[in-house]
């Protein structure tokens, strides 16, 4: 058990050094890219943008898959913890600890919910609709410039 902890902590130390190295490389690379972008043509920048977008899509797919696996494992671990009275247990791991916990999550505040709740205290349906429409019309609108990609698939 001690050997496993030592190996894991050694791996974490190496990973930490690698991470710092990549952060430094990224800063150097970012500075280089900003200078390079000024020299690139519009067409080259489009190609670079598409290439980066492709990489992001691939990484997002991988992240989605990892999150799904993590969710399944979390469900299994939580079920096991409940069945074996470990709901309040704390488990030591190499870089900290895991704790089983329950949290309350409130549903989002939607216009449908707002209208329903206002309807419970204001009996005049027209007033409720007028209030909700007023709130909708007063929302701040922000215009953001962006590039949207549409696939032919």
C-alpha atoms as a PDB file:
ATOM      1  CA  UNK A   1       0.000   0.000   0.000  1.00  0.00           C
ATOM      2  CA  UNK A   2       2.840   2.388   0.883  1.00  0.00           C
ATOM      3  CA  UNK A   3       4.585   1.588  -2.406  1.00  0.00           C
ATOM      4  CA  UNK A   4       1.422   2.436  -4.341  1.00  0.00           C
ATOM      5  CA  UNK A   5       1.080   5.769  -2.514  1.00  0.00           C
ATOM      6  CA  UNK A   6       4.725   6.576  -3.208  1.00  0.00           C
ATOM      7  CA  UNK A   7       4.405   5.747  -6.887  1.00  0.00           C
ATOM      8  CA  UNK A   8       1.233   7.806  -7.212  1.00  0.00           C
ATOM      9  CA  UNK A   9       2.789  10.799  -5.446  1.00  0.00           C
ATOM     10  CA  UNK A  10       5.885  10.501  -7.648  1.00  0.00           C
ATOM     11  CA  UNK A  11       3.661  10.438 -10.723  1.00  0.00           C
ATOM     12  CA  UNK A  12       1.784  13.489  -9.476  1.00  0.00           C
ATOM     13  CA  UNK A  13       5.069  15.331  -8.895  1.00  0.00           C
ATOM     14  CA  UNK A  14       6.222  14.506 -12.431  1.00  0.00           C
ATOM     15  CA  UNK A  15       2.829  15.528 -13.837  1.00  0.00           C
ATOM     16  CA  UNK A  16       3.045  18.820 -11.946  1.00  0.00           C
ATOM     17  CA  UNK A  17       6.485  19.545 -13.434  1.00  0.00           C
ATOM     18  CA  UNK A  18       5.216  18.638 -16.905  1.00  0.00           C
ATOM     19  CA  UNK A  19       2.224  20.924 -16.400  1.00  0.00           C
ATOM     20  CA  UNK A  20       4.458  23.857 -15.404  1.00  0.00           C
ATOM     21  CA  UNK A  21       6.664  23.151 -18.415  1.00  0.00           C
ATOM     22  CA  UNK A  22       3.652  23.212 -20.739  1.00  0.00           C
ATOM     23  CA  UNK A  23       2.396  26.462 -19.198  1.00  0.00           C
ATOM     24  CA  UNK A  24       5.746  28.085 -19.922  1.00  0.00           C
ATOM     25  CA  UNK A  25       5.824  26.658 -23.445  1.00  0.00           C
ATOM     26  CA  UNK A  26       2.256  27.873 -23.986  1.00  0.00           C
ATOM     27  CA  UNK A  27       3.187  31.426 -22.950  1.00  0.00           C
ATOM     28  CA  UNK A  28       6.149  31.440 -25.325  1.00  0.00           C
ATOM     29  CA  UNK A  29       4.025  29.884 -28.059  1.00  0.00           C
ATOM     30  CA  UNK A  30       1.191  32.360 -27.458  1.00  0.00           C
ATOM     31  CA  UNK A  31       3.585  35.293 -27.813  1.00  0.00           C
ATOM     32  CA  UNK A  32       4.973  33.760 -30.992  1.00  0.00           C
ATOM     33  CA  UNK A  33       1.468  33.184 -32.380  1.00  0.00           C
ATOM     34  CA  UNK A  34       0.355  36.757 -31.760  1.00  0.00           C
ATOM     35  CA  UNK A  35       3.303  37.988 -33.818  1.00  0.00           C
ATOM     36  CA  UNK A  36       2.732  35.358 -36.484  1.00  0.00           C
ATOM     37  CA  UNK A  37      -0.992  36.136 -36.828  1.00  0.00           C
ATOM     38  CA  UNK A  38      -0.174  39.679 -37.810  1.00  0.00           C
ATOM     39  CA  UNK A  39       1.827  38.330 -40.738  1.00  0.00           C
ATOM     40  CA  UNK A  40      -0.621  35.668 -41.867  1.00  0.00           C
ATOM     41  CA  UNK A  41      -3.105  36.216 -44.641  1.00  0.00           C
ATOM     42  CA  UNK A  42      -6.832  36.084 -44.033  1.00  0.00           C
ATOM     43  CA  UNK A  43      -7.031  32.713 -45.770  1.00  0.00           C
ATOM     44  CA  UNK A  44      -4.289  31.243 -43.629  1.00  0.00           C
ATOM     45  CA  UNK A  45      -6.023  32.515 -40.517  1.00  0.00           C
ATOM     46  CA  UNK A  46      -9.262  30.833 -41.638  1.00  0.00           C
ATOM     47  CA  UNK A  47      -7.403  27.545 -42.146  1.00  0.00           C
ATOM     48  CA  UNK A  48      -5.796  27.886 -38.726  1.00  0.00           C
ATOM     49  CA  UNK A  49      -9.182  28.680 -37.137  1.00  0.00           C
ATOM     50  CA  UNK A  50     -10.771  25.574 -38.718  1.00  0.00           C
ATOM     51  CA  UNK A  51      -7.850  23.415 -37.611  1.00  0.00           C
ATOM     52  CA  UNK A  52      -8.155  24.650 -34.032  1.00  0.00           C
ATOM     53  CA  UNK A  53     -11.933  24.206 -34.129  1.00  0.00           C
ATOM     54  CA  UNK A  54     -11.452  20.593 -35.280  1.00  0.00           C
ATOM     55  CA  UNK A  55      -9.102  19.931 -32.371  1.00  0.00           C
ATOM     56  CA  UNK A  56     -11.550  21.510 -29.921  1.00  0.00           C
ATOM     57  CA  UNK A  57     -14.392  19.347 -31.246  1.00  0.00           C
ATOM     58  CA  UNK A  58     -12.279  16.226 -30.861  1.00  0.00           C
ATOM     59  CA  UNK A  59     -11.247  17.152 -27.319  1.00  0.00           C
ATOM     60  CA  UNK A  60     -14.847  18.021 -26.392  1.00  0.00           C
ATOM     61  CA  UNK A  61     -15.949  14.592 -27.636  1.00  0.00           C
ATOM     62  CA  UNK A  62     -13.264  12.975 -25.492  1.00  0.00           C
ATOM     63  CA  UNK A  63     -14.258  15.091 -22.478  1.00  0.00           C
ATOM     64  CA  UNK A  64     -17.916  14.158 -22.980  1.00  0.00           C
ATOM     65  CA  UNK A  65     -16.994  10.478 -23.031  1.00  0.00           C
ATOM     66  CA  UNK A  66     -14.875  10.854 -19.881  1.00  0.00           C
ATOM     67  CA  UNK A  67     -17.689  12.715 -18.095  1.00  0.00           C
ATOM     68  CA  UNK A  68     -20.145   9.943 -18.980  1.00  0.00           C
ATOM     69  CA  UNK A  69     -17.758   7.303 -17.607  1.00  0.00           C
ATOM     70  CA  UNK A  70     -17.169   9.385 -14.477  1.00  0.00           C
ATOM     71  CA  UNK A  71     -20.937   9.773 -13.964  1.00  0.00           C
ATOM     72  CA  UNK A  72     -21.467   6.004 -14.228  1.00  0.00           C
ATOM     73  CA  UNK A  73     -18.641   5.372 -11.770  1.00  0.00           C
ATOM     74  CA  UNK A  74     -20.043   8.028  -9.418  1.00  0.00           C
ATOM     75  CA  UNK A  75     -23.469   6.389  -9.533  1.00  0.00           C
ATOM     76  CA  UNK A  76     -21.952   2.964  -8.789  1.00  0.00           C
ATOM     77  CA  UNK A  77     -19.807   4.338  -5.953  1.00  0.00           C
ATOM     78  CA  UNK A  78     -22.736   6.251  -4.422  1.00  0.00           C
ATOM     79  CA  UNK A  79     -24.953   3.148  -4.612  1.00  0.00           C
ATOM     80  CA  UNK A  80     -22.253   1.058  -2.938  1.00  0.00           C
ATOM     81  CA  UNK A  81     -21.736   3.707  -0.256  1.00  0.00           C
ATOM     82  CA  UNK A  82     -25.478   3.816   0.525  1.00  0.00           C
ATOM     83  CA  UNK A  83     -25.796   0.011   0.624  1.00  0.00           C
ATOM     84  CA  UNK A  84     -22.804  -0.312   2.959  1.00  0.00           C
ATOM     85  CA  UNK A  85     -23.486   2.660   5.264  1.00  0.00           C
ATOM     86  CA  UNK A  86     -20.542   4.647   3.912  1.00  0.00           C
ATOM     87  CA  UNK A  87     -22.551   7.762   3.076  1.00  0.00           C
ATOM     88  CA  UNK A  88     -20.540   9.852   5.550  1.00  0.00           C
ATOM     89  CA  UNK A  89     -17.208   8.155   4.864  1.00  0.00           C
ATOM     90  CA  UNK A  90     -14.037   9.967   3.897  1.00  0.00           C
ATOM     91  CA  UNK A  91     -11.581   8.102   1.694  1.00  0.00           C
ATOM     92  CA  UNK A  92      -7.918   9.063   1.621  1.00  0.00           C
ATOM     93  CA  UNK A  93      -6.397   9.293  -1.864  1.00  0.00           C
ATOM     94  CA  UNK A  94      -2.887  10.213  -2.942  1.00  0.00           C
ATOM     95  CA  UNK A  95      -3.557  13.931  -3.385  1.00  0.00           C
ATOM     96  CA  UNK A  96      -6.296  14.518  -0.832  1.00  0.00           C
ATOM     97  CA  UNK A  97      -9.527  12.799   0.049  1.00  0.00           C
ATOM     98  CA  UNK A  98     -12.917  11.853  -1.331  1.00  0.00           C
ATOM     99  CA  UNK A  99     -16.063  12.497   0.648  1.00  0.00           C
ATOM    100  CA  UNK A 100     -19.569  11.316  -0.128  1.00  0.00           C
ATOM    101  CA  UNK A 101     -21.994  14.207   0.118  1.00  0.00           C
ATOM    102  CA  UNK A 102     -25.545  15.155  -0.775  1.00  0.00           C
ATOM    103  CA  UNK A 103     -26.279  18.623  -2.049  1.00  0.00           C
ATOM    104  CA  UNK A 104     -29.538  20.377  -2.778  1.00  0.00           C
ATOM    105  CA  UNK A 105     -29.815  21.822  -6.264  1.00  0.00           C
ATOM    106  CA  UNK A 106     -32.515  24.350  -7.039  1.00  0.00           C
ATOM    107  CA  UNK A 107     -34.230  24.323 -10.391  1.00  0.00           C
ATOM    108  CA  UNK A 108     -33.475  27.277 -12.674  1.00  0.00           C
ATOM    109  CA  UNK A 109     -35.554  30.440 -12.470  1.00  0.00           C
ATOM    110  CA  UNK A 110     -37.544  30.325 -15.723  1.00  0.00           C
ATOM    111  CA  UNK A 111     -40.251  32.601 -17.059  1.00  0.00           C
ATOM    112  CA  UNK A 112     -42.690  29.694 -16.836  1.00  0.00           C
ATOM    113  CA  UNK A 113     -41.860  29.255 -13.133  1.00  0.00           C
ATOM    114  CA  UNK A 114     -41.994  33.018 -12.564  1.00  0.00           C
ATOM    115  CA  UNK A 115     -45.441  33.209 -14.188  1.00  0.00           C
ATOM    116  CA  UNK A 116     -46.702  30.231 -12.139  1.00  0.00           C
ATOM    117  CA  UNK A 117     -45.388  31.694  -8.862  1.00  0.00           C
ATOM    118  CA  UNK A 118     -46.750  35.175  -9.558  1.00  0.00           C
ATOM    119  CA  UNK A 119     -50.083  33.567 -10.435  1.00  0.00           C
ATOM    120  CA  UNK A 120     -50.233  32.133  -6.922  1.00  0.00           C
ATOM    121  CA  UNK A 121     -50.053  35.576  -5.281  1.00  0.00           C
ATOM    122  CA  UNK A 122     -51.647  37.766  -7.978  1.00  0.00           C
ATOM    123  CA  UNK A 123     -55.079  36.542  -9.019  1.00  0.00           C
ATOM    124  CA  UNK A 124     -55.385  38.796 -12.072  1.00  0.00           C
ATOM    125  CA  UNK A 125     -53.939  36.702 -14.936  1.00  0.00           C
ATOM    126  CA  UNK A 126     -53.497  39.752 -17.182  1.00  0.00           C
ATOM    127  CA  UNK A 127     -51.408  41.487 -14.511  1.00  0.00           C
ATOM    128  CA  UNK A 128     -49.202  38.407 -14.174  1.00  0.00           C
ATOM    129  CA  UNK A 129     -48.632  38.252 -17.936  1.00  0.00           C
ATOM    130  CA  UNK A 130     -47.954  41.980 -18.034  1.00  0.00           C
ATOM    131  CA  UNK A 131     -45.341  41.680 -15.260  1.00  0.00           C
ATOM    132  CA  UNK A 132     -43.620  38.734 -16.955  1.00  0.00           C
ATOM    133  CA  UNK A 133     -43.572  40.531 -20.318  1.00  0.00           C
ATOM    134  CA  UNK A 134     -42.180  43.642 -18.644  1.00  0.00           C
ATOM    135  CA  UNK A 135     -39.371  41.604 -17.061  1.00  0.00           C
ATOM    136  CA  UNK A 136     -38.638  39.949 -20.425  1.00  0.00           C
ATOM    137  CA  UNK A 137     -38.470  43.297 -22.190  1.00  0.00           C
ATOM    138  CA  UNK A 138     -36.090  44.758 -19.593  1.00  0.00           C
ATOM    139  CA  UNK A 139     -33.460  42.046 -19.966  1.00  0.00           C
ATOM    140  CA  UNK A 140     -30.086  43.339 -21.048  1.00  0.00           C
ATOM    141  CA  UNK A 141     -29.142  42.394 -24.604  1.00  0.00           C
ATOM    142  CA  UNK A 142     -25.489  41.976 -25.418  1.00  0.00           C
ATOM    143  CA  UNK A 143     -24.230  41.670 -29.000  1.00  0.00           C
ATOM    144  CA  UNK A 144     -21.164  39.462 -29.361  1.00  0.00           C
ATOM    145  CA  UNK A 145     -19.186  39.083 -32.576  1.00  0.00           C
ATOM    146  CA  UNK A 146     -18.289  35.481 -33.281  1.00  0.00           C
ATOM    147  CA  UNK A 147     -17.623  32.996 -36.048  1.00  0.00           C
ATOM    148  CA  UNK A 148     -20.124  30.172 -36.392  1.00  0.00           C
ATOM    149  CA  UNK A 149     -19.290  26.958 -38.174  1.00  0.00           C
ATOM    150  CA  UNK A 150     -21.856  24.913 -40.068  1.00  0.00           C
ATOM    151  CA  UNK A 151     -20.904  21.397 -41.179  1.00  0.00           C
ATOM    152  CA  UNK A 152     -22.036  19.851 -44.455  1.00  0.00           C
ATOM    153  CA  UNK A 153     -22.702  16.497 -42.766  1.00  0.00           C
END
